[in-house]
């Protein structure tokens, strides 16, 4: 059965765009407790304190200091009304602190109960990193990456369209020659304007030869 804190983490990582980066930092840091409900609560507090900002080291450090000031009676700004819970700091041990991915009885991270991992408090749940991976997979399925055409600026898209139109000019022999120019320009790393200009130069040569009655191939 999932604990309330693990359920909270699952909800937060689905809403926080940089949850994967924060999870990676959290799983390797040694300042805060990562065990059981204490770990989930620490992770939740940092996500809430970041308020959507990227999980950079500077932002994370600022969030930790803000939480510490607020929970020790200090001020974090007159416009901040969020109730902050005290962070739980890691206890110094001679044995290496276990990560969220190792919080099972034997440390081998076997998955039980349909992918849930047994936590130190006896409950079954998932780590922030696992929740973040699920959130990322969900986002990728529901928000497909833009195509190459969608990534292009309006200007580049227009140049590319014009370059492709050049490929349809003239006879099969003309089109083959234009395609060779097109491919060479793309392979050289030229932008779409340069690709179009190279292709259009050859098209104009074909048009000029046709106009004067030539048979340029």
N, C-alpha and C. Protein backbone atom coordinates (compact mmCIF):
# COMPACT_ATOMS: atom_id res chain seq x y z
N UNK A 1 0.84 -1.20 0.00
CA UNK A 1 0.00 0.00 0.00
C UNK A 1 0.87 1.25 0.00
N UNK A 2 0.55 2.19 -0.86
CA UNK A 2 1.33 3.41 -0.94
C UNK A 2 1.08 4.31 0.26
N UNK A 3 2.14 4.95 0.75
CA UNK A 3 1.97 5.91 1.83
C UNK A 3 1.49 7.24 1.25
N UNK A 4 0.95 8.11 2.11
CA UNK A 4 0.44 9.40 1.64
C UNK A 4 1.56 10.25 1.05
N UNK A 5 2.77 10.14 1.62
CA UNK A 5 3.88 10.95 1.11
C UNK A 5 4.32 10.48 -0.27
N UNK A 6 4.31 9.17 -0.52
CA UNK A 6 4.69 8.68 -1.84
C UNK A 6 3.64 9.05 -2.88
N UNK A 7 2.38 9.07 -2.48
CA UNK A 7 1.31 9.50 -3.39
C UNK A 7 1.48 10.98 -3.74
N UNK A 8 1.87 11.76 -2.74
CA UNK A 8 2.11 13.19 -2.98
C UNK A 8 3.23 13.39 -3.98
N UNK A 9 4.32 12.63 -3.82
CA UNK A 9 5.46 12.73 -4.74
C UNK A 9 5.02 12.37 -6.16
N UNK A 10 4.24 11.32 -6.29
CA UNK A 10 3.77 10.90 -7.61
C UNK A 10 2.99 12.02 -8.29
N UNK A 11 2.16 12.69 -7.55
CA UNK A 11 1.38 13.79 -8.11
C UNK A 11 2.29 14.96 -8.51
N UNK A 12 3.23 15.29 -7.65
CA UNK A 12 4.10 16.44 -7.91
C UNK A 12 4.99 16.24 -9.13
N UNK A 13 5.56 15.03 -9.28
CA UNK A 13 6.47 14.83 -10.41
C UNK A 13 5.73 14.87 -11.74
N UNK A 14 4.47 14.54 -11.73
CA UNK A 14 3.69 14.63 -12.96
C UNK A 14 3.44 16.08 -13.35
N UNK A 15 3.48 16.97 -12.37
CA UNK A 15 3.20 18.38 -12.63
C UNK A 15 4.46 19.20 -12.82
N UNK A 16 5.62 18.66 -12.41
CA UNK A 16 6.87 19.43 -12.44
C UNK A 16 7.71 19.03 -13.64
N UNK A 17 7.98 19.98 -14.52
CA UNK A 17 8.65 19.69 -15.79
C UNK A 17 10.08 19.17 -15.62
N UNK A 18 10.76 19.59 -14.56
CA UNK A 18 12.17 19.21 -14.38
C UNK A 18 12.33 18.14 -13.29
N UNK A 19 11.31 17.32 -13.12
CA UNK A 19 11.33 16.31 -12.05
C UNK A 19 12.46 15.31 -12.23
N UNK A 20 12.80 14.96 -13.47
CA UNK A 20 13.84 13.97 -13.69
C UNK A 20 15.20 14.48 -13.23
N UNK A 21 15.49 15.76 -13.52
CA UNK A 21 16.77 16.34 -13.10
C UNK A 21 16.83 16.44 -11.58
N UNK A 22 15.72 16.82 -10.96
CA UNK A 22 15.70 16.92 -9.50
C UNK A 22 15.87 15.54 -8.87
N UNK A 23 15.26 14.53 -9.45
CA UNK A 23 15.39 13.17 -8.92
C UNK A 23 16.83 12.69 -8.99
N UNK A 24 17.50 13.01 -10.11
CA UNK A 24 18.90 12.61 -10.26
C UNK A 24 19.77 13.27 -9.20
N UNK A 25 19.51 14.55 -8.94
CA UNK A 25 20.27 15.25 -7.89
C UNK A 25 19.96 14.65 -6.52
N UNK A 26 18.69 14.43 -6.25
CA UNK A 26 18.26 13.97 -4.93
C UNK A 26 18.83 12.59 -4.61
N UNK A 27 18.93 11.76 -5.60
CA UNK A 27 19.38 10.39 -5.38
C UNK A 27 20.87 10.30 -5.09
N UNK A 28 21.62 11.36 -5.44
CA UNK A 28 23.07 11.33 -5.21
C UNK A 28 23.52 12.26 -4.09
N UNK A 29 22.66 13.18 -3.65
CA UNK A 29 23.05 14.11 -2.59
C UNK A 29 23.13 13.39 -1.24
N UNK A 30 23.87 13.96 -0.30
CA UNK A 30 24.06 13.34 1.01
C UNK A 30 23.62 14.24 2.15
N UNK A 31 23.05 15.39 1.84
CA UNK A 31 22.64 16.34 2.87
C UNK A 31 21.32 15.94 3.52
N UNK A 32 20.35 15.57 2.72
CA UNK A 32 19.00 15.28 3.19
C UNK A 32 18.74 13.79 3.24
N UNK A 33 17.86 13.40 4.15
CA UNK A 33 17.47 12.00 4.25
C UNK A 33 16.75 11.58 2.98
N UNK A 34 17.05 10.38 2.51
CA UNK A 34 16.39 9.83 1.33
C UNK A 34 15.57 8.59 1.67
N UNK A 35 15.45 8.29 2.95
CA UNK A 35 14.85 7.03 3.36
C UNK A 35 13.37 7.18 3.69
N UNK A 36 12.56 6.27 3.14
CA UNK A 36 11.16 6.19 3.50
C UNK A 36 10.40 7.48 3.34
N UNK A 37 9.45 7.71 4.27
CA UNK A 37 8.61 8.90 4.21
C UNK A 37 9.41 10.18 4.38
N UNK A 38 10.52 10.13 5.15
CA UNK A 38 11.35 11.32 5.29
C UNK A 38 11.90 11.75 3.93
N UNK A 39 12.35 10.79 3.15
CA UNK A 39 12.87 11.09 1.83
C UNK A 39 11.82 11.65 0.90
N UNK A 40 10.64 11.02 0.90
CA UNK A 40 9.56 11.51 0.05
C UNK A 40 9.14 12.93 0.47
N UNK A 41 9.08 13.17 1.79
CA UNK A 41 8.68 14.50 2.26
C UNK A 41 9.72 15.54 1.87
N UNK A 42 10.99 15.22 2.01
CA UNK A 42 12.05 16.16 1.61
C UNK A 42 11.94 16.50 0.12
N UNK A 43 11.74 15.48 -0.68
CA UNK A 43 11.63 15.69 -2.13
C UNK A 43 10.43 16.57 -2.45
N UNK A 44 9.30 16.30 -1.80
CA UNK A 44 8.08 17.09 -2.04
C UNK A 44 8.29 18.55 -1.68
N UNK A 45 8.93 18.79 -0.53
CA UNK A 45 9.14 20.17 -0.09
C UNK A 45 10.00 20.95 -1.08
N UNK A 46 11.02 20.30 -1.62
CA UNK A 46 11.89 20.99 -2.57
C UNK A 46 11.14 21.29 -3.86
N UNK A 47 10.35 20.33 -4.35
CA UNK A 47 9.56 20.57 -5.56
C UNK A 47 8.62 21.76 -5.36
N UNK A 48 7.94 21.79 -4.22
CA UNK A 48 7.01 22.88 -3.94
C UNK A 48 7.72 24.22 -3.81
N UNK A 49 8.92 24.19 -3.21
CA UNK A 49 9.66 25.44 -3.02
C UNK A 49 10.23 25.96 -4.35
N UNK A 50 10.56 25.08 -5.24
CA UNK A 50 11.09 25.51 -6.54
C UNK A 50 10.05 26.25 -7.36
N UNK A 51 8.77 25.94 -7.14
CA UNK A 51 7.67 26.65 -7.80
C UNK A 51 7.83 26.69 -9.32
N UNK A 52 8.20 25.54 -9.88
CA UNK A 52 8.29 25.43 -11.33
C UNK A 52 9.62 25.83 -11.92
N UNK A 53 10.54 26.36 -11.11
CA UNK A 53 11.85 26.74 -11.64
C UNK A 53 12.68 25.50 -11.97
N UNK A 54 13.63 25.61 -12.90
CA UNK A 54 14.47 24.45 -13.26
C UNK A 54 15.25 23.94 -12.05
N UNK A 55 15.55 22.65 -12.05
CA UNK A 55 16.26 22.02 -10.94
C UNK A 55 17.76 22.19 -11.08
N UNK A 56 18.22 23.44 -11.10
CA UNK A 56 19.66 23.70 -11.13
C UNK A 56 20.19 23.66 -9.70
N UNK A 57 21.52 23.52 -9.57
CA UNK A 57 22.11 23.48 -8.23
C UNK A 57 21.82 24.77 -7.47
N UNK A 58 21.89 25.91 -8.15
CA UNK A 58 21.63 27.19 -7.49
C UNK A 58 20.19 27.29 -7.00
N UNK A 59 19.24 26.86 -7.83
CA UNK A 59 17.83 26.93 -7.44
C UNK A 59 17.52 25.96 -6.31
N UNK A 60 18.12 24.77 -6.36
CA UNK A 60 17.89 23.79 -5.31
C UNK A 60 18.45 24.29 -3.98
N UNK A 61 19.66 24.84 -4.00
CA UNK A 61 20.27 25.37 -2.77
C UNK A 61 19.44 26.50 -2.20
N UNK A 62 18.95 27.37 -3.07
CA UNK A 62 18.10 28.48 -2.62
C UNK A 62 16.81 27.97 -1.99
N UNK A 63 16.23 26.92 -2.59
CA UNK A 63 15.00 26.34 -2.06
C UNK A 63 15.23 25.74 -0.67
N UNK A 64 16.33 25.04 -0.50
CA UNK A 64 16.65 24.43 0.80
C UNK A 64 16.82 25.50 1.87
N UNK A 65 17.54 26.58 1.53
CA UNK A 65 17.75 27.66 2.49
C UNK A 65 16.45 28.36 2.85
N UNK A 66 15.56 28.53 1.87
CA UNK A 66 14.26 29.16 2.13
C UNK A 66 13.42 28.32 3.09
N UNK A 67 13.42 27.01 2.85
CA UNK A 67 12.66 26.11 3.73
C UNK A 67 13.24 26.14 5.13
N UNK A 68 14.56 26.13 5.22
CA UNK A 68 15.21 26.14 6.53
C UNK A 68 14.90 27.43 7.29
N UNK A 69 14.96 28.57 6.60
CA UNK A 69 14.65 29.84 7.26
C UNK A 69 13.21 29.86 7.76
N UNK A 70 12.29 29.40 6.91
CA UNK A 70 10.87 29.45 7.27
C UNK A 70 10.55 28.54 8.45
N UNK A 71 11.19 27.37 8.50
CA UNK A 71 10.87 26.42 9.56
C UNK A 71 11.64 26.69 10.85
N UNK A 72 12.58 27.64 10.77
CA UNK A 72 13.32 28.01 11.98
C UNK A 72 12.93 29.40 12.46
N UNK A 73 11.79 29.88 11.95
CA UNK A 73 11.27 31.15 12.44
C UNK A 73 11.69 32.36 11.65
N UNK A 74 12.43 32.17 10.56
CA UNK A 74 12.88 33.28 9.75
C UNK A 74 11.83 33.70 8.74
N UNK A 75 12.17 34.70 7.93
CA UNK A 75 11.24 35.23 6.93
C UNK A 75 11.71 34.82 5.54
N UNK A 76 10.74 34.48 4.68
CA UNK A 76 11.07 34.14 3.29
C UNK A 76 10.37 35.08 2.33
N UNK A 77 9.88 36.20 2.84
CA UNK A 77 9.20 37.18 1.98
C UNK A 77 7.74 37.34 2.36
N UNK A 78 7.28 38.57 2.34
CA UNK A 78 5.91 38.85 2.79
C UNK A 78 4.84 38.28 1.86
N UNK A 79 5.21 37.96 0.61
CA UNK A 79 4.21 37.44 -0.32
C UNK A 79 4.13 35.92 -0.32
N UNK A 80 4.98 35.28 0.46
CA UNK A 80 4.98 33.81 0.51
C UNK A 80 4.11 33.34 1.67
N UNK A 81 3.08 32.57 1.35
CA UNK A 81 2.15 32.09 2.38
C UNK A 81 2.17 30.57 2.53
N UNK A 82 3.00 29.89 1.78
CA UNK A 82 3.02 28.42 1.82
C UNK A 82 3.53 27.93 3.17
N UNK A 83 2.82 26.97 3.74
CA UNK A 83 3.28 26.34 4.98
C UNK A 83 4.36 25.32 4.64
N UNK A 84 5.53 25.52 5.18
CA UNK A 84 6.66 24.65 4.88
C UNK A 84 6.90 23.66 6.02
N UNK A 85 7.18 22.44 5.66
CA UNK A 85 7.50 21.41 6.65
C UNK A 85 9.02 21.31 6.80
N UNK A 86 9.51 21.10 8.01
CA UNK A 86 10.97 21.02 8.21
C UNK A 86 11.59 19.89 7.39
N UNK A 87 12.74 20.15 6.85
CA UNK A 87 13.48 19.12 6.13
C UNK A 87 14.12 18.16 7.13
N UNK A 88 14.24 16.92 6.73
CA UNK A 88 14.88 15.91 7.58
C UNK A 88 16.28 15.66 7.00
N UNK A 89 17.28 15.95 7.80
CA UNK A 89 18.65 15.82 7.32
C UNK A 89 19.18 14.41 7.55
N UNK A 90 20.10 14.01 6.69
CA UNK A 90 20.64 12.66 6.76
C UNK A 90 21.50 12.50 8.02
N UNK A 91 21.40 11.32 8.62
CA UNK A 91 22.23 11.00 9.78
C UNK A 91 23.59 10.53 9.31
N UNK A 92 24.63 10.93 9.99
CA UNK A 92 25.96 10.50 9.62
C UNK A 92 26.14 9.03 10.01
N UNK A 93 26.53 8.23 9.03
CA UNK A 93 26.73 6.80 9.26
C UNK A 93 28.04 6.38 8.61
N UNK A 94 28.62 5.36 9.16
CA UNK A 94 29.84 4.83 8.54
C UNK A 94 29.47 4.07 7.27
N UNK A 95 28.25 3.53 7.26
CA UNK A 95 27.79 2.82 6.08
C UNK A 95 27.19 3.80 5.10
N UNK A 96 27.42 3.60 3.83
CA UNK A 96 26.89 4.48 2.81
C UNK A 96 25.36 4.51 2.87
N UNK A 97 24.80 5.71 2.79
CA UNK A 97 23.35 5.86 2.82
C UNK A 97 22.75 5.24 1.58
N UNK A 98 21.71 4.48 1.77
CA UNK A 98 21.07 3.83 0.64
C UNK A 98 20.27 4.85 -0.17
N UNK A 99 20.27 4.66 -1.48
CA UNK A 99 19.50 5.54 -2.34
C UNK A 99 18.07 5.04 -2.42
N UNK A 100 17.22 5.85 -3.02
CA UNK A 100 15.84 5.44 -3.21
C UNK A 100 15.77 4.12 -3.98
N UNK A 101 16.73 3.87 -4.85
CA UNK A 101 16.70 2.68 -5.69
C UNK A 101 17.16 1.44 -4.94
N UNK A 102 17.64 1.60 -3.71
CA UNK A 102 18.17 0.46 -2.96
C UNK A 102 17.40 0.21 -1.67
N UNK A 103 16.24 0.81 -1.53
CA UNK A 103 15.52 0.70 -0.27
C UNK A 103 14.67 -0.57 -0.20
N UNK A 104 15.33 -1.69 -0.27
CA UNK A 104 14.68 -2.98 -0.08
C UNK A 104 15.46 -3.72 0.98
N UNK A 105 14.91 -4.82 1.45
CA UNK A 105 15.54 -5.54 2.56
C UNK A 105 16.96 -6.00 2.24
N UNK A 106 17.19 -6.44 0.99
CA UNK A 106 18.50 -6.95 0.66
C UNK A 106 19.32 -6.01 -0.22
N UNK A 107 18.76 -4.82 -0.54
CA UNK A 107 19.49 -3.83 -1.31
C UNK A 107 19.61 -4.15 -2.78
N UNK A 108 18.89 -5.17 -3.26
CA UNK A 108 19.03 -5.54 -4.66
C UNK A 108 17.96 -4.93 -5.54
N UNK A 109 17.03 -4.18 -4.93
CA UNK A 109 15.99 -3.46 -5.66
C UNK A 109 15.10 -4.37 -6.51
N UNK A 110 14.61 -5.49 -5.92
CA UNK A 110 13.65 -6.29 -6.67
C UNK A 110 12.32 -5.58 -6.71
N UNK A 111 11.62 -5.67 -7.81
CA UNK A 111 10.32 -5.00 -7.91
C UNK A 111 9.22 -5.99 -7.58
N UNK A 112 8.35 -5.57 -6.67
CA UNK A 112 7.23 -6.40 -6.25
C UNK A 112 5.96 -5.58 -6.34
N UNK A 113 4.83 -6.27 -6.17
CA UNK A 113 3.54 -5.58 -6.21
C UNK A 113 3.43 -4.69 -7.45
N UNK A 114 3.60 -5.28 -8.64
CA UNK A 114 3.45 -4.58 -9.91
C UNK A 114 4.37 -3.38 -10.02
N UNK A 115 5.63 -3.55 -9.70
CA UNK A 115 6.60 -2.48 -9.87
C UNK A 115 6.85 -1.65 -8.64
N UNK A 116 6.13 -1.87 -7.55
CA UNK A 116 6.35 -1.10 -6.33
C UNK A 116 7.51 -1.72 -5.55
N UNK A 117 8.27 -0.86 -4.88
CA UNK A 117 9.42 -1.30 -4.11
C UNK A 117 9.15 -1.15 -2.62
N UNK A 118 9.57 -2.13 -1.85
CA UNK A 118 9.34 -2.07 -0.41
C UNK A 118 10.22 -0.98 0.19
N UNK A 119 9.60 -0.05 0.93
CA UNK A 119 10.30 1.06 1.56
C UNK A 119 10.74 0.68 2.97
N UNK A 120 11.59 1.53 3.57
CA UNK A 120 12.12 1.23 4.89
C UNK A 120 11.03 1.16 5.97
N UNK A 121 9.94 1.90 5.77
CA UNK A 121 8.86 1.88 6.76
C UNK A 121 7.91 0.71 6.56
N UNK A 122 8.22 -0.17 5.59
CA UNK A 122 7.39 -1.34 5.35
C UNK A 122 6.36 -1.17 4.26
N UNK A 123 6.12 0.07 3.83
CA UNK A 123 5.13 0.31 2.78
C UNK A 123 5.75 0.04 1.42
N UNK A 124 4.89 -0.07 0.41
CA UNK A 124 5.36 -0.27 -0.95
C UNK A 124 5.09 0.99 -1.76
N UNK A 125 6.05 1.40 -2.50
CA UNK A 125 5.90 2.61 -3.30
C UNK A 125 7.01 2.69 -4.33
N UNK A 126 7.17 3.86 -4.93
CA UNK A 126 8.20 4.09 -5.92
C UNK A 126 9.00 5.32 -5.54
N UNK A 127 10.23 5.38 -6.04
CA UNK A 127 11.09 6.52 -5.76
C UNK A 127 10.72 7.68 -6.67
N UNK A 128 11.13 8.91 -6.32
CA UNK A 128 10.89 10.04 -7.21
C UNK A 128 11.46 9.81 -8.61
N UNK A 129 12.61 9.13 -8.70
CA UNK A 129 13.20 8.88 -10.00
C UNK A 129 12.30 7.99 -10.86
N UNK A 130 11.69 6.99 -10.21
CA UNK A 130 10.77 6.10 -10.94
C UNK A 130 9.52 6.85 -11.38
N UNK A 131 8.99 7.67 -10.46
CA UNK A 131 7.82 8.46 -10.82
C UNK A 131 8.14 9.43 -11.95
N UNK A 132 9.34 10.03 -11.90
CA UNK A 132 9.75 10.98 -12.93
C UNK A 132 9.86 10.28 -14.29
N UNK A 133 10.39 9.05 -14.29
CA UNK A 133 10.50 8.30 -15.54
C UNK A 133 9.12 8.01 -16.12
N UNK A 134 8.17 7.66 -15.23
CA UNK A 134 6.81 7.41 -15.69
C UNK A 134 6.19 8.69 -16.25
N UNK A 135 6.44 9.81 -15.56
CA UNK A 135 5.88 11.09 -16.01
C UNK A 135 6.46 11.48 -17.36
N UNK A 136 7.78 11.24 -17.55
CA UNK A 136 8.42 11.56 -18.82
C UNK A 136 7.85 10.70 -19.94
N UNK A 137 7.65 9.40 -19.65
CA UNK A 137 7.09 8.50 -20.66
C UNK A 137 5.66 8.92 -21.02
N UNK A 138 4.90 9.32 -20.00
CA UNK A 138 3.52 9.77 -20.24
C UNK A 138 3.52 11.02 -21.11
N UNK A 139 4.45 11.97 -20.79
CA UNK A 139 4.52 13.22 -21.55
C UNK A 139 4.91 12.98 -22.99
N UNK A 140 5.86 12.03 -23.21
CA UNK A 140 6.30 11.74 -24.56
C UNK A 140 5.18 11.13 -25.40
N UNK A 141 4.36 10.29 -24.77
CA UNK A 141 3.25 9.66 -25.48
C UNK A 141 2.17 10.67 -25.83
N UNK A 142 1.92 11.60 -24.91
CA UNK A 142 0.83 12.55 -25.10
C UNK A 142 1.27 13.88 -25.70
N UNK A 143 2.57 14.10 -25.77
CA UNK A 143 3.09 15.33 -26.37
C UNK A 143 4.23 14.95 -27.31
N UNK A 144 3.90 14.41 -28.49
CA UNK A 144 4.94 13.97 -29.41
C UNK A 144 5.87 15.11 -29.79
N UNK A 145 7.13 14.75 -30.04
CA UNK A 145 8.12 15.75 -30.40
C UNK A 145 7.77 16.35 -31.76
N UNK A 146 8.02 17.65 -31.94
CA UNK A 146 7.71 18.29 -33.22
C UNK A 146 8.55 17.69 -34.33
N UNK A 147 7.98 17.66 -35.52
CA UNK A 147 8.71 17.18 -36.68
C UNK A 147 9.78 18.20 -37.07
N UNK A 148 10.67 17.78 -37.98
CA UNK A 148 11.72 18.70 -38.44
C UNK A 148 11.11 19.96 -39.03
N UNK A 149 10.00 19.79 -39.79
CA UNK A 149 9.35 20.94 -40.40
C UNK A 149 8.81 21.90 -39.35
N UNK A 150 8.26 21.34 -38.25
CA UNK A 150 7.71 22.16 -37.18
C UNK A 150 8.80 22.90 -36.42
N UNK A 151 10.00 22.32 -36.37
CA UNK A 151 11.09 22.96 -35.66
C UNK A 151 11.67 24.14 -36.44
N UNK A 152 11.49 24.15 -37.77
CA UNK A 152 12.04 25.21 -38.59
C UNK A 152 11.32 26.52 -38.34
N UNK A 153 12.06 27.61 -38.47
CA UNK A 153 11.42 28.92 -38.38
C UNK A 153 10.55 29.11 -39.62
N UNK A 154 9.68 30.09 -39.58
CA UNK A 154 8.80 30.34 -40.72
C UNK A 154 9.61 30.63 -41.97
N UNK A 155 10.70 31.38 -41.82
CA UNK A 155 11.54 31.72 -42.96
C UNK A 155 12.24 30.49 -43.52
N UNK A 156 12.85 29.67 -42.64
CA UNK A 156 13.54 28.47 -43.09
C UNK A 156 12.58 27.49 -43.76
N UNK A 157 11.37 27.39 -43.20
CA UNK A 157 10.38 26.49 -43.78
C UNK A 157 10.04 26.92 -45.21
N UNK A 158 9.97 28.23 -45.43
CA UNK A 158 9.66 28.73 -46.77
C UNK A 158 10.79 28.42 -47.74
N UNK A 159 12.06 28.62 -47.32
CA UNK A 159 13.20 28.31 -48.19
C UNK A 159 13.25 26.82 -48.51
N UNK A 160 12.95 25.98 -47.51
CA UNK A 160 12.97 24.54 -47.75
C UNK A 160 11.89 24.15 -48.75
N UNK A 161 10.71 24.72 -48.59
CA UNK A 161 9.61 24.43 -49.51
C UNK A 161 9.98 24.82 -50.95
N UNK A 162 10.61 25.98 -51.12
CA UNK A 162 11.02 26.44 -52.44
C UNK A 162 12.10 25.54 -53.04
N UNK A 163 13.04 25.07 -52.16
CA UNK A 163 14.08 24.17 -52.63
C UNK A 163 13.47 22.86 -53.12
N UNK A 164 12.49 22.34 -52.39
CA UNK A 164 11.83 21.10 -52.80
C UNK A 164 11.06 21.28 -54.10
N UNK A 165 10.51 22.47 -54.32
CA UNK A 165 9.79 22.74 -55.57
C UNK A 165 10.73 22.70 -56.76
N UNK A 166 12.00 23.11 -56.54
CA UNK A 166 12.99 23.06 -57.63
C UNK A 166 13.20 21.63 -58.11
N UNK A 167 13.04 20.66 -57.21
CA UNK A 167 13.28 19.26 -57.56
C UNK A 167 12.29 18.73 -58.59
N UNK A 168 11.20 19.44 -58.78
CA UNK A 168 10.17 18.98 -59.71
C UNK A 168 10.29 19.63 -61.08
N UNK A 169 11.32 20.43 -61.29
CA UNK A 169 11.43 21.16 -62.56
C UNK A 169 12.05 20.28 -63.66
N UNK A 170 11.49 20.41 -64.85
CA UNK A 170 12.10 19.85 -66.05
C UNK A 170 11.95 18.35 -66.23
N UNK A 171 12.82 17.83 -67.08
CA UNK A 171 12.80 16.41 -67.42
C UNK A 171 13.37 15.57 -66.28
N UNK A 172 13.31 14.26 -66.44
CA UNK A 172 13.89 13.37 -65.43
C UNK A 172 15.37 13.63 -65.28
N UNK A 173 16.04 13.88 -66.40
CA UNK A 173 17.48 14.15 -66.34
C UNK A 173 17.75 15.45 -65.59
N UNK A 174 16.91 16.48 -65.86
CA UNK A 174 17.04 17.74 -65.14
C UNK A 174 16.84 17.54 -63.65
N UNK A 175 15.79 16.82 -63.30
CA UNK A 175 15.46 16.60 -61.89
C UNK A 175 16.56 15.82 -61.18
N UNK A 176 17.16 14.87 -61.88
CA UNK A 176 18.24 14.09 -61.27
C UNK A 176 19.43 15.00 -60.96
N UNK A 177 19.76 15.88 -61.90
CA UNK A 177 20.88 16.79 -61.69
C UNK A 177 20.59 17.77 -60.56
N UNK A 178 19.35 18.28 -60.52
CA UNK A 178 18.97 19.22 -59.45
C UNK A 178 19.02 18.52 -58.09
N UNK A 179 18.61 17.24 -58.07
CA UNK A 179 18.62 16.49 -56.80
C UNK A 179 20.05 16.31 -56.31
N UNK A 180 20.98 16.12 -57.21
CA UNK A 180 22.38 15.99 -56.81
C UNK A 180 22.88 17.28 -56.17
N UNK A 181 22.53 18.42 -56.76
CA UNK A 181 22.90 19.72 -56.19
C UNK A 181 22.26 19.89 -54.82
N UNK A 182 21.00 19.50 -54.72
CA UNK A 182 20.24 19.59 -53.46
C UNK A 182 20.94 18.77 -52.36
N UNK A 183 21.25 17.52 -52.68
CA UNK A 183 21.86 16.63 -51.69
C UNK A 183 23.24 17.12 -51.26
N UNK A 184 24.02 17.62 -52.21
CA UNK A 184 25.36 18.11 -51.90
C UNK A 184 25.29 19.33 -50.97
N UNK A 185 24.33 20.21 -51.24
CA UNK A 185 24.19 21.41 -50.40
C UNK A 185 23.77 21.05 -48.98
N UNK A 186 22.82 20.11 -48.88
CA UNK A 186 22.37 19.67 -47.55
C UNK A 186 23.51 19.01 -46.80
N UNK A 187 24.26 18.14 -47.49
CA UNK A 187 25.37 17.43 -46.85
C UNK A 187 26.46 18.38 -46.38
N UNK A 188 26.61 19.51 -47.05
CA UNK A 188 27.65 20.48 -46.67
C UNK A 188 27.27 21.30 -45.45
N UNK A 189 26.00 21.16 -45.00
CA UNK A 189 25.55 21.91 -43.84
C UNK A 189 24.97 23.27 -44.17
N UNK A 190 24.73 23.53 -45.45
CA UNK A 190 24.16 24.83 -45.86
C UNK A 190 22.76 24.99 -45.29
N UNK A 191 22.39 26.23 -44.99
CA UNK A 191 21.02 26.48 -44.52
C UNK A 191 20.08 26.36 -45.72
N UNK A 192 18.78 26.38 -45.44
CA UNK A 192 17.81 26.12 -46.51
C UNK A 192 17.79 27.21 -47.56
N UNK A 193 18.16 28.42 -47.19
CA UNK A 193 18.24 29.48 -48.21
C UNK A 193 19.34 29.16 -49.21
N UNK A 194 20.51 28.71 -48.71
CA UNK A 194 21.62 28.37 -49.59
C UNK A 194 21.29 27.15 -50.45
N UNK A 195 20.57 26.21 -49.87
CA UNK A 195 20.17 25.03 -50.64
C UNK A 195 19.28 25.45 -51.80
N UNK A 196 18.31 26.31 -51.49
CA UNK A 196 17.40 26.80 -52.54
C UNK A 196 18.17 27.55 -53.62
N UNK A 197 19.08 28.44 -53.21
CA UNK A 197 19.82 29.25 -54.18
C UNK A 197 20.65 28.37 -55.12
N UNK A 198 21.26 27.30 -54.57
CA UNK A 198 22.05 26.40 -55.40
C UNK A 198 21.17 25.68 -56.42
N UNK A 199 20.01 25.20 -55.96
CA UNK A 199 19.10 24.48 -56.85
C UNK A 199 18.49 25.44 -57.88
N UNK A 200 18.11 26.61 -57.43
CA UNK A 200 17.46 27.57 -58.31
C UNK A 200 18.42 28.07 -59.39
N UNK A 201 19.70 28.15 -59.05
CA UNK A 201 20.70 28.56 -60.03
C UNK A 201 20.71 27.60 -61.22
N UNK A 202 20.66 26.29 -60.92
CA UNK A 202 20.64 25.30 -61.99
C UNK A 202 19.32 25.34 -62.74
N UNK A 203 18.21 25.53 -62.03
CA UNK A 203 16.90 25.64 -62.68
C UNK A 203 16.88 26.81 -63.66
N UNK A 204 17.42 27.95 -63.23
CA UNK A 204 17.46 29.12 -64.11
C UNK A 204 18.32 28.88 -65.33
N UNK A 205 19.40 28.10 -65.16
CA UNK A 205 20.23 27.76 -66.32
C UNK A 205 19.46 26.92 -67.31
N UNK A 206 18.68 25.95 -66.80
CA UNK A 206 17.84 25.14 -67.68
C UNK A 206 16.83 26.02 -68.41
N UNK A 207 16.21 26.94 -67.69
CA UNK A 207 15.21 27.83 -68.29
C UNK A 207 15.85 28.71 -69.37
N UNK A 208 17.07 29.19 -69.10
CA UNK A 208 17.75 30.06 -70.07
C UNK A 208 18.05 29.28 -71.34
N UNK A 209 18.56 28.04 -71.17
CA UNK A 209 18.89 27.23 -72.35
C UNK A 209 17.63 26.89 -73.16
N UNK A 210 16.53 26.61 -72.43
CA UNK A 210 15.27 26.29 -73.12
C UNK A 210 14.78 27.50 -73.90
N UNK A 211 14.92 28.68 -73.29
CA UNK A 211 14.42 29.91 -73.94
C UNK A 211 15.15 30.23 -75.23
N UNK A 212 16.41 29.84 -75.31
CA UNK A 212 17.17 30.13 -76.52
C UNK A 212 17.21 28.92 -77.46
N UNK A 213 16.39 27.92 -77.13
CA UNK A 213 16.24 26.78 -78.04
C UNK A 213 17.29 25.73 -77.86
N UNK A 214 18.01 25.75 -76.74
CA UNK A 214 19.04 24.75 -76.51
C UNK A 214 18.44 23.45 -76.00
N UNK A 215 19.26 22.49 -75.86
CA UNK A 215 18.84 21.19 -75.36
C UNK A 215 19.79 20.79 -74.22
N UNK A 216 19.89 21.64 -73.21
CA UNK A 216 20.84 21.45 -72.11
C UNK A 216 20.41 20.29 -71.23
N UNK A 217 21.30 19.38 -70.98
CA UNK A 217 20.98 18.21 -70.15
C UNK A 217 21.91 18.15 -68.98
